[in-house]
Amino acid sequence: MAFGAVLLAEFIARHAIRERPWHTALRPLEVADFVAILTLLLSPLLQHFLGFLRVLRMLRLLNSARIAKSLREDWDLFRQNEDAVMAAAQLIVFLFIMTGIVFELRWLLRPAVENYGDALYFVVTALTTTGFGDFVPQDTSGRMLAVFIMLAGVTLFLRLAQALFRPRKVRHPCPSCGLQRHETDAVHCKSCGTLINIPNDDESI
């Protein structure tokens, strides 16, 4: 609860200084951050129920400009594969959250899910649209949950595949137009033609 109070104060202060606080506070990442904070503040009431939602704060941290900058400077793998790392993290968070939700709502499935392993198995089979049929939603609510897992999960999986297999680009702001992404062997900015000097992998960015 103490951590939750500190994070809530930071959350309120961060949005209070903005010109349109409600507009920014309703962004998906900010809503996820607020839900994670609530699970800390309401710990005595929830009694660990829905505590797994705290992992949502990972999305907020990964999208922090300061942390992303630090990771680019200190971790070569992140700098070279930033899009893939971010897509993989989002997919992992989705699997973690949906596994927790399925476990808490296990009465919607037949036969009932007995542990987190069964819940993860159901989420993965639904996400990949394999559907072995050993866990079957009992009513419309369960089927809608399975549909959501399929649609959202496949979208995140395709984003990861796209990040892994598309041509790699490096982040380096063009001094003239500010374009961030360029081919690894680019000499000129493809947007404005300005000469750019992209550091080698062994140089700091």
C-alpha atoms as a PDB file:
ATOM      1  CA  MET A   1       0.000   0.000   0.000  1.00  0.00           C
ATOM      2  CA  ALA A   2       2.914   2.377   0.698  1.00  0.00           C
ATOM      3  CA  PHE A   3       4.326   1.748  -2.774  1.00  0.00           C
ATOM      4  CA  GLY A   4       0.858   2.263  -4.213  1.00  0.00           C
ATOM      5  CA  ALA A   5       0.486   5.608  -2.412  1.00  0.00           C
ATOM      6  CA  VAL A   6       3.823   6.849  -3.741  1.00  0.00           C
ATOM      7  CA  LEU A   7       3.011   5.742  -7.282  1.00  0.00           C
ATOM      8  CA  LEU A   8      -0.460   7.290  -7.079  1.00  0.00           C
ATOM      9  CA  ALA A   9       1.033  10.620  -5.988  1.00  0.00           C
ATOM     10  CA  GLU A  10       3.463  10.466  -8.906  1.00  0.00           C
ATOM     11  CA  PHE A  11       0.626   9.564 -11.284  1.00  0.00           C
ATOM     12  CA  ILE A  12      -1.506  12.521 -10.143  1.00  0.00           C
ATOM     13  CA  ALA A  13       1.406  14.976 -10.256  1.00  0.00           C
ATOM     14  CA  ARG A  14       2.470  13.773 -13.704  1.00  0.00           C
ATOM     15  CA  HIS A  15      -0.955  14.468 -15.165  1.00  0.00           C
ATOM     16  CA  ALA A  16      -1.690  17.618 -13.141  1.00  0.00           C
ATOM     17  CA  ILE A  17       1.101  19.532 -14.895  1.00  0.00           C
ATOM     18  CA  ARG A  18      -0.215  18.709 -18.367  1.00  0.00           C
ATOM     19  CA  GLU A  19      -2.471  20.993 -20.358  1.00  0.00           C
ATOM     20  CA  ARG A  20      -5.128  18.292 -20.917  1.00  0.00           C
ATOM     21  CA  PRO A  21      -4.781  15.936 -17.927  1.00  0.00           C
ATOM     22  CA  TRP A  22      -7.940  13.897 -18.556  1.00  0.00           C
ATOM     23  CA  HIS A  23      -7.072  13.397 -22.208  1.00  0.00           C
ATOM     24  CA  THR A  24      -3.631  11.978 -21.415  1.00  0.00           C
ATOM     25  CA  ALA A  25      -4.841  10.011 -18.380  1.00  0.00           C
ATOM     26  CA  LEU A  26      -7.272   8.045 -20.555  1.00  0.00           C
ATOM     27  CA  ARG A  27      -4.583   6.734 -22.881  1.00  0.00           C
ATOM     28  CA  PRO A  28      -4.340   2.904 -22.791  1.00  0.00           C
ATOM     29  CA  LEU A  29      -0.890   2.818 -21.181  1.00  0.00           C
ATOM     30  CA  GLU A  30      -1.927   5.338 -18.519  1.00  0.00           C
ATOM     31  CA  VAL A  31      -5.099   3.363 -17.736  1.00  0.00           C
ATOM     32  CA  ALA A  32      -3.011   0.188 -17.411  1.00  0.00           C
ATOM     33  CA  ASP A  33      -0.638   2.038 -15.073  1.00  0.00           C
ATOM     34  CA  PHE A  34      -3.557   3.246 -12.929  1.00  0.00           C
ATOM     35  CA  VAL A  35      -5.039  -0.271 -12.694  1.00  0.00           C
ATOM     36  CA  ALA A  36      -1.664  -1.610 -11.530  1.00  0.00           C
ATOM     37  CA  ILE A  37      -1.500   1.121  -8.862  1.00  0.00           C
ATOM     38  CA  LEU A  38      -5.020   0.273  -7.646  1.00  0.00           C
ATOM     39  CA  THR A  39      -4.041  -3.361  -7.106  1.00  0.00           C
ATOM     40  CA  LEU A  40      -1.351  -2.126  -4.691  1.00  0.00           C
ATOM     41  CA  LEU A  41      -3.639   0.271  -2.832  1.00  0.00           C
ATOM     42  CA  LEU A  42      -6.451  -2.287  -2.504  1.00  0.00           C
ATOM     43  CA  SER A  43      -4.248  -5.212  -1.475  1.00  0.00           C
ATOM     44  CA  PRO A  44      -6.030  -5.804   1.880  1.00  0.00           C
ATOM     45  CA  LEU A  45      -9.420  -5.880   0.165  1.00  0.00           C
ATOM     46  CA  LEU A  46      -8.414  -7.956  -2.836  1.00  0.00           C
ATOM     47  CA  GLN A  47      -6.477 -10.483  -0.739  1.00  0.00           C
ATOM     48  CA  HIS A  48      -4.219 -11.198  -3.734  1.00  0.00           C
ATOM     49  CA  PHE A  49      -7.218 -11.552  -6.055  1.00  0.00           C
ATOM     50  CA  LEU A  50      -6.333  -9.793  -9.331  1.00  0.00           C
ATOM     51  CA  GLY A  51      -2.860  -9.060  -7.961  1.00  0.00           C
ATOM     52  CA  PHE A  52      -1.456 -10.379 -11.236  1.00  0.00           C
ATOM     53  CA  LEU A  53      -2.664  -7.140 -12.868  1.00  0.00           C
ATOM     54  CA  ARG A  54       0.368  -5.405 -11.345  1.00  0.00           C
ATOM     55  CA  VAL A  55       2.396  -6.697 -14.278  1.00  0.00           C
ATOM     56  CA  LEU A  56       0.605  -4.039 -16.361  1.00  0.00           C
ATOM     57  CA  ARG A  57       3.041  -1.488 -14.928  1.00  0.00           C
ATOM     58  CA  MET A  58       5.750  -3.224 -16.957  1.00  0.00           C
ATOM     59  CA  LEU A  59       4.159  -1.771 -20.104  1.00  0.00           C
ATOM     60  CA  ARG A  60       4.362   1.738 -18.653  1.00  0.00           C
ATOM     61  CA  LEU A  61       7.997   1.261 -17.658  1.00  0.00           C
ATOM     62  CA  LEU A  62       9.031  -0.159 -21.029  1.00  0.00           C
ATOM     63  CA  ASN A  63       7.444   2.825 -22.779  1.00  0.00           C
ATOM     64  CA  SER A  64       9.215   5.315 -20.537  1.00  0.00           C
ATOM     65  CA  ALA A  65      11.489   7.509 -22.656  1.00  0.00           C
ATOM     66  CA  ARG A  66      14.106   7.606 -19.895  1.00  0.00           C
ATOM     67  CA  ILE A  67      14.255   3.824 -19.451  1.00  0.00           C
ATOM     68  CA  ALA A  68      14.240   3.222 -23.227  1.00  0.00           C
ATOM     69  CA  LYS A  69      17.150   5.662 -23.619  1.00  0.00           C
ATOM     70  CA  SER A  70      19.066   3.911 -20.839  1.00  0.00           C
ATOM     71  CA  LEU A  71      18.467   0.483 -22.392  1.00  0.00           C
ATOM     72  CA  ARG A  72      19.653   1.712 -25.802  1.00  0.00           C
ATOM     73  CA  GLU A  73      22.857   3.030 -24.282  1.00  0.00           C
ATOM     74  CA  ASP A  74      23.627   0.045 -22.036  1.00  0.00           C
ATOM     75  CA  TRP A  75      22.254  -2.995 -23.878  1.00  0.00           C
ATOM     76  CA  ASP A  76      23.402  -3.718 -27.434  1.00  0.00           C
ATOM     77  CA  LEU A  77      20.745  -6.404 -27.947  1.00  0.00           C
ATOM     78  CA  PHE A  78      17.965  -3.945 -27.087  1.00  0.00           C
ATOM     79  CA  ARG A  79      19.413  -1.233 -29.332  1.00  0.00           C
ATOM     80  CA  GLN A  80      19.635  -3.586 -32.304  1.00  0.00           C
ATOM     81  CA  ASN A  81      16.250  -5.286 -31.762  1.00  0.00           C
ATOM     82  CA  GLU A  82      14.177  -2.692 -29.908  1.00  0.00           C
ATOM     83  CA  ASP A  83      10.930  -3.319 -31.790  1.00  0.00           C
ATOM     84  CA  ALA A  84      11.199  -7.092 -31.340  1.00  0.00           C
ATOM     85  CA  VAL A  85      11.977  -6.783 -27.616  1.00  0.00           C
ATOM     86  CA  MET A  86       9.023  -4.446 -27.068  1.00  0.00           C
ATOM     87  CA  ALA A  87       6.664  -6.689 -29.059  1.00  0.00           C
ATOM     88  CA  ALA A  88       7.831  -9.779 -27.136  1.00  0.00           C
ATOM     89  CA  ALA A  89       7.358  -7.997 -23.800  1.00  0.00           C
ATOM     90  CA  GLN A  90       3.813  -6.977 -24.742  1.00  0.00           C
ATOM     91  CA  LEU A  91       2.971 -10.535 -25.799  1.00  0.00           C
ATOM     92  CA  ILE A  92       4.385 -11.952 -22.547  1.00  0.00           C
ATOM     93  CA  VAL A  93       2.396  -9.453 -20.465  1.00  0.00           C
ATOM     94  CA  PHE A  94      -0.747 -10.360 -22.416  1.00  0.00           C
ATOM     95  CA  LEU A  95      -0.188 -14.087 -21.790  1.00  0.00           C
ATOM     96  CA  PHE A  96       0.433 -13.444 -18.096  1.00  0.00           C
ATOM     97  CA  ILE A  97      -2.694 -11.290 -17.675  1.00  0.00           C
ATOM     98  CA  MET A  98      -5.002 -13.566 -19.654  1.00  0.00           C
ATOM     99  CA  THR A  99      -3.713 -16.653 -17.828  1.00  0.00           C
ATOM    100  CA  GLY A 100      -4.594 -14.995 -14.519  1.00  0.00           C
ATOM    101  CA  ILE A 101      -8.043 -13.971 -15.765  1.00  0.00           C
ATOM    102  CA  VAL A 102      -8.795 -17.461 -17.101  1.00  0.00           C
ATOM    103  CA  PHE A 103      -7.678 -18.998 -13.801  1.00  0.00           C
ATOM    104  CA  GLU A 104      -9.884 -16.641 -11.786  1.00  0.00           C
ATOM    105  CA  LEU A 105     -12.836 -17.334 -14.134  1.00  0.00           C
ATOM    106  CA  ARG A 106     -12.105 -21.060 -14.451  1.00  0.00           C
ATOM    107  CA  TRP A 107     -15.759 -21.922 -13.754  1.00  0.00           C
ATOM    108  CA  LEU A 108     -16.519 -20.680 -17.294  1.00  0.00           C
ATOM    109  CA  LEU A 109     -14.688 -23.690 -18.783  1.00  0.00           C
ATOM    110  CA  ARG A 110     -15.526 -27.376 -18.934  1.00  0.00           C
ATOM    111  CA  PRO A 111     -13.760 -29.248 -17.446  1.00  0.00           C
ATOM    112  CA  ALA A 112     -12.679 -26.623 -14.916  1.00  0.00           C
ATOM    113  CA  VAL A 113      -9.107 -25.323 -15.017  1.00  0.00           C
ATOM    114  CA  GLU A 114      -7.292 -26.641 -11.953  1.00  0.00           C
ATOM    115  CA  ASN A 115      -4.061 -24.629 -11.944  1.00  0.00           C
ATOM    116  CA  TYR A 116      -2.139 -21.868 -13.727  1.00  0.00           C
ATOM    117  CA  GLY A 117      -0.589 -24.426 -16.062  1.00  0.00           C
ATOM    118  CA  ASP A 118      -4.035 -25.410 -17.335  1.00  0.00           C
ATOM    119  CA  ALA A 119      -4.975 -21.724 -17.696  1.00  0.00           C
ATOM    120  CA  LEU A 120      -1.823 -20.961 -19.682  1.00  0.00           C
ATOM    121  CA  TYR A 121      -2.488 -24.010 -21.864  1.00  0.00           C
ATOM    122  CA  PHE A 122      -6.002 -22.778 -22.648  1.00  0.00           C
ATOM    123  CA  VAL A 123      -4.770 -19.232 -23.425  1.00  0.00           C
ATOM    124  CA  VAL A 124      -2.052 -20.480 -25.789  1.00  0.00           C
ATOM    125  CA  THR A 125      -4.357 -22.900 -27.599  1.00  0.00           C
ATOM    126  CA  ALA A 126      -6.939 -20.127 -27.990  1.00  0.00           C
ATOM    127  CA  LEU A 127      -4.317 -17.582 -29.085  1.00  0.00           C
ATOM    128  CA  THR A 128      -2.913 -19.918 -31.735  1.00  0.00           C
ATOM    129  CA  THR A 129      -6.484 -20.964 -32.705  1.00  0.00           C
ATOM    130  CA  THR A 130      -5.454 -24.611 -32.203  1.00  0.00           C
ATOM    131  CA  GLY A 131      -8.467 -25.486 -30.055  1.00  0.00           C
ATOM    132  CA  PHE A 132      -7.910 -29.095 -28.983  1.00  0.00           C
ATOM    133  CA  GLY A 133     -11.357 -29.141 -27.355  1.00  0.00           C
ATOM    134  CA  ASP A 134     -10.306 -30.389 -23.919  1.00  0.00           C
ATOM    135  CA  PHE A 135     -11.279 -27.039 -22.357  1.00  0.00           C
ATOM    136  CA  VAL A 136     -14.575 -25.729 -23.721  1.00  0.00           C
ATOM    137  CA  PRO A 137     -16.300 -22.455 -22.684  1.00  0.00           C
ATOM    138  CA  GLN A 138     -19.638 -23.237 -21.041  1.00  0.00           C
ATOM    139  CA  ASP A 139     -21.582 -20.108 -21.953  1.00  0.00           C
ATOM    140  CA  THR A 140     -21.507 -16.908 -23.975  1.00  0.00           C
ATOM    141  CA  SER A 141     -19.242 -15.108 -21.478  1.00  0.00           C
ATOM    142  CA  GLY A 142     -16.604 -17.813 -21.754  1.00  0.00           C
ATOM    143  CA  ARG A 143     -16.828 -17.853 -25.539  1.00  0.00           C
ATOM    144  CA  MET A 144     -16.450 -14.065 -25.712  1.00  0.00           C
ATOM    145  CA  LEU A 145     -13.360 -14.343 -23.509  1.00  0.00           C
ATOM    146  CA  ALA A 146     -11.920 -16.929 -25.904  1.00  0.00           C
ATOM    147  CA  VAL A 147     -12.717 -14.673 -28.881  1.00  0.00           C
ATOM    148  CA  PHE A 148     -10.916 -11.757 -27.215  1.00  0.00           C
ATOM    149  CA  ILE A 149      -7.865 -13.939 -26.539  1.00  0.00           C
ATOM    150  CA  MET A 150      -7.799 -15.046 -30.183  1.00  0.00           C
ATOM    151  CA  LEU A 151      -8.132 -11.569 -31.684  1.00  0.00           C
ATOM    152  CA  ALA A 152      -5.834  -9.680 -29.318  1.00  0.00           C
ATOM    153  CA  GLY A 153      -3.295 -12.484 -29.046  1.00  0.00           C
ATOM    154  CA  VAL A 154      -2.973 -13.054 -32.782  1.00  0.00           C
ATOM    155  CA  THR A 155      -2.509  -9.302 -33.288  1.00  0.00           C
ATOM    156  CA  LEU A 156       0.337  -9.197 -30.760  1.00  0.00           C
ATOM    157  CA  PHE A 157       1.882 -12.365 -32.194  1.00  0.00           C
ATOM    158  CA  LEU A 158       1.822 -10.958 -35.728  1.00  0.00           C
ATOM    159  CA  ARG A 159       3.410  -7.746 -34.490  1.00  0.00           C
ATOM    160  CA  LEU A 160       6.241  -9.779 -32.962  1.00  0.00           C
ATOM    161  CA  ALA A 161       6.691 -11.755 -36.187  1.00  0.00           C
ATOM    162  CA  GLN A 162       6.776  -8.535 -38.191  1.00  0.00           C
ATOM    163  CA  ALA A 163       9.413  -7.044 -35.887  1.00  0.00           C
ATOM    164  CA  LEU A 164      11.535 -10.196 -36.165  1.00  0.00           C
ATOM    165  CA  PHE A 165      11.461 -10.656 -39.923  1.00  0.00           C
ATOM    166  CA  ARG A 166      11.279  -7.182 -41.452  1.00  0.00           C
ATOM    167  CA  PRO A 167      14.557  -5.488 -42.461  1.00  0.00           C
ATOM    168  CA  ARG A 168      16.366  -4.110 -39.427  1.00  0.00           C
ATOM    169  CA  LYS A 169      16.632  -0.367 -38.977  1.00  0.00           C
ATOM    170  CA  VAL A 170      18.585   1.754 -36.550  1.00  0.00           C
ATOM    171  CA  ARG A 171      17.396   4.687 -34.469  1.00  0.00           C
ATOM    172  CA  HIS A 172      19.318   7.861 -35.205  1.00  0.00           C
ATOM    173  CA  PRO A 173      17.609  11.274 -35.480  1.00  0.00           C
ATOM    174  CA  CYS A 174      18.224  13.186 -38.681  1.00  0.00           C
ATOM    175  CA  PRO A 175      19.731  16.593 -37.764  1.00  0.00           C
ATOM    176  CA  SER A 176      17.517  18.297 -40.352  1.00  0.00           C
ATOM    177  CA  CYS A 177      14.029  16.710 -40.382  1.00  0.00           C
ATOM    178  CA  GLY A 178      14.240  14.555 -37.247  1.00  0.00           C
ATOM    179  CA  LEU A 179      13.421  11.214 -38.917  1.00  0.00           C
ATOM    180  CA  GLN A 180      14.321   8.537 -36.362  1.00  0.00           C
ATOM    181  CA  ARG A 181      14.606   5.272 -38.309  1.00  0.00           C
ATOM    182  CA  HIS A 182      17.105   4.592 -41.080  1.00  0.00           C
ATOM    183  CA  GLU A 183      18.559   1.572 -42.859  1.00  0.00           C
ATOM    184  CA  THR A 184      21.707   0.261 -41.212  1.00  0.00           C
ATOM    185  CA  ASP A 185      23.896   1.332 -44.161  1.00  0.00           C
ATOM    186  CA  ALA A 186      22.169   4.673 -44.828  1.00  0.00           C
ATOM    187  CA  VAL A 187      24.388   7.636 -45.681  1.00  0.00           C
ATOM    188  CA  HIS A 188      21.657  10.177 -46.411  1.00  0.00           C
ATOM    189  CA  CYS A 189      18.251  10.677 -44.811  1.00  0.00           C
ATOM    190  CA  LYS A 190      15.623   9.181 -47.117  1.00  0.00           C
ATOM    191  CA  SER A 191      13.170  11.940 -46.150  1.00  0.00           C
ATOM    192  CA  CYS A 192      15.186  15.126 -46.703  1.00  0.00           C
ATOM    193  CA  GLY A 193      18.503  13.919 -48.148  1.00  0.00           C
ATOM    194  CA  THR A 194      20.630  15.350 -45.343  1.00  0.00           C
ATOM    195  CA  LEU A 195      23.959  13.636 -44.722  1.00  0.00           C
ATOM    196  CA  ILE A 196      23.695  11.571 -41.542  1.00  0.00           C
ATOM    197  CA  ASN A 197      26.382   9.957 -39.448  1.00  0.00           C
ATOM    198  CA  ILE A 198      25.031   6.742 -37.944  1.00  0.00           C
ATOM    199  CA  PRO A 199      27.404   5.362 -35.266  1.00  0.00           C
ATOM    200  CA  ASN A 200      28.687   1.812 -35.590  1.00  0.00           C
ATOM    201  CA  ASP A 201      27.377  -0.858 -33.228  1.00  0.00           C
ATOM    202  CA  ASP A 202      30.409  -0.494 -30.998  1.00  0.00           C
ATOM    203  CA  GLU A 203      29.843   3.257 -30.604  1.00  0.00           C
ATOM    204  CA  SER A 204      27.372   4.772 -28.172  1.00  0.00           C
ATOM    205  CA  ILE A 205      24.164   6.132 -29.665  1.00  0.00           C
END
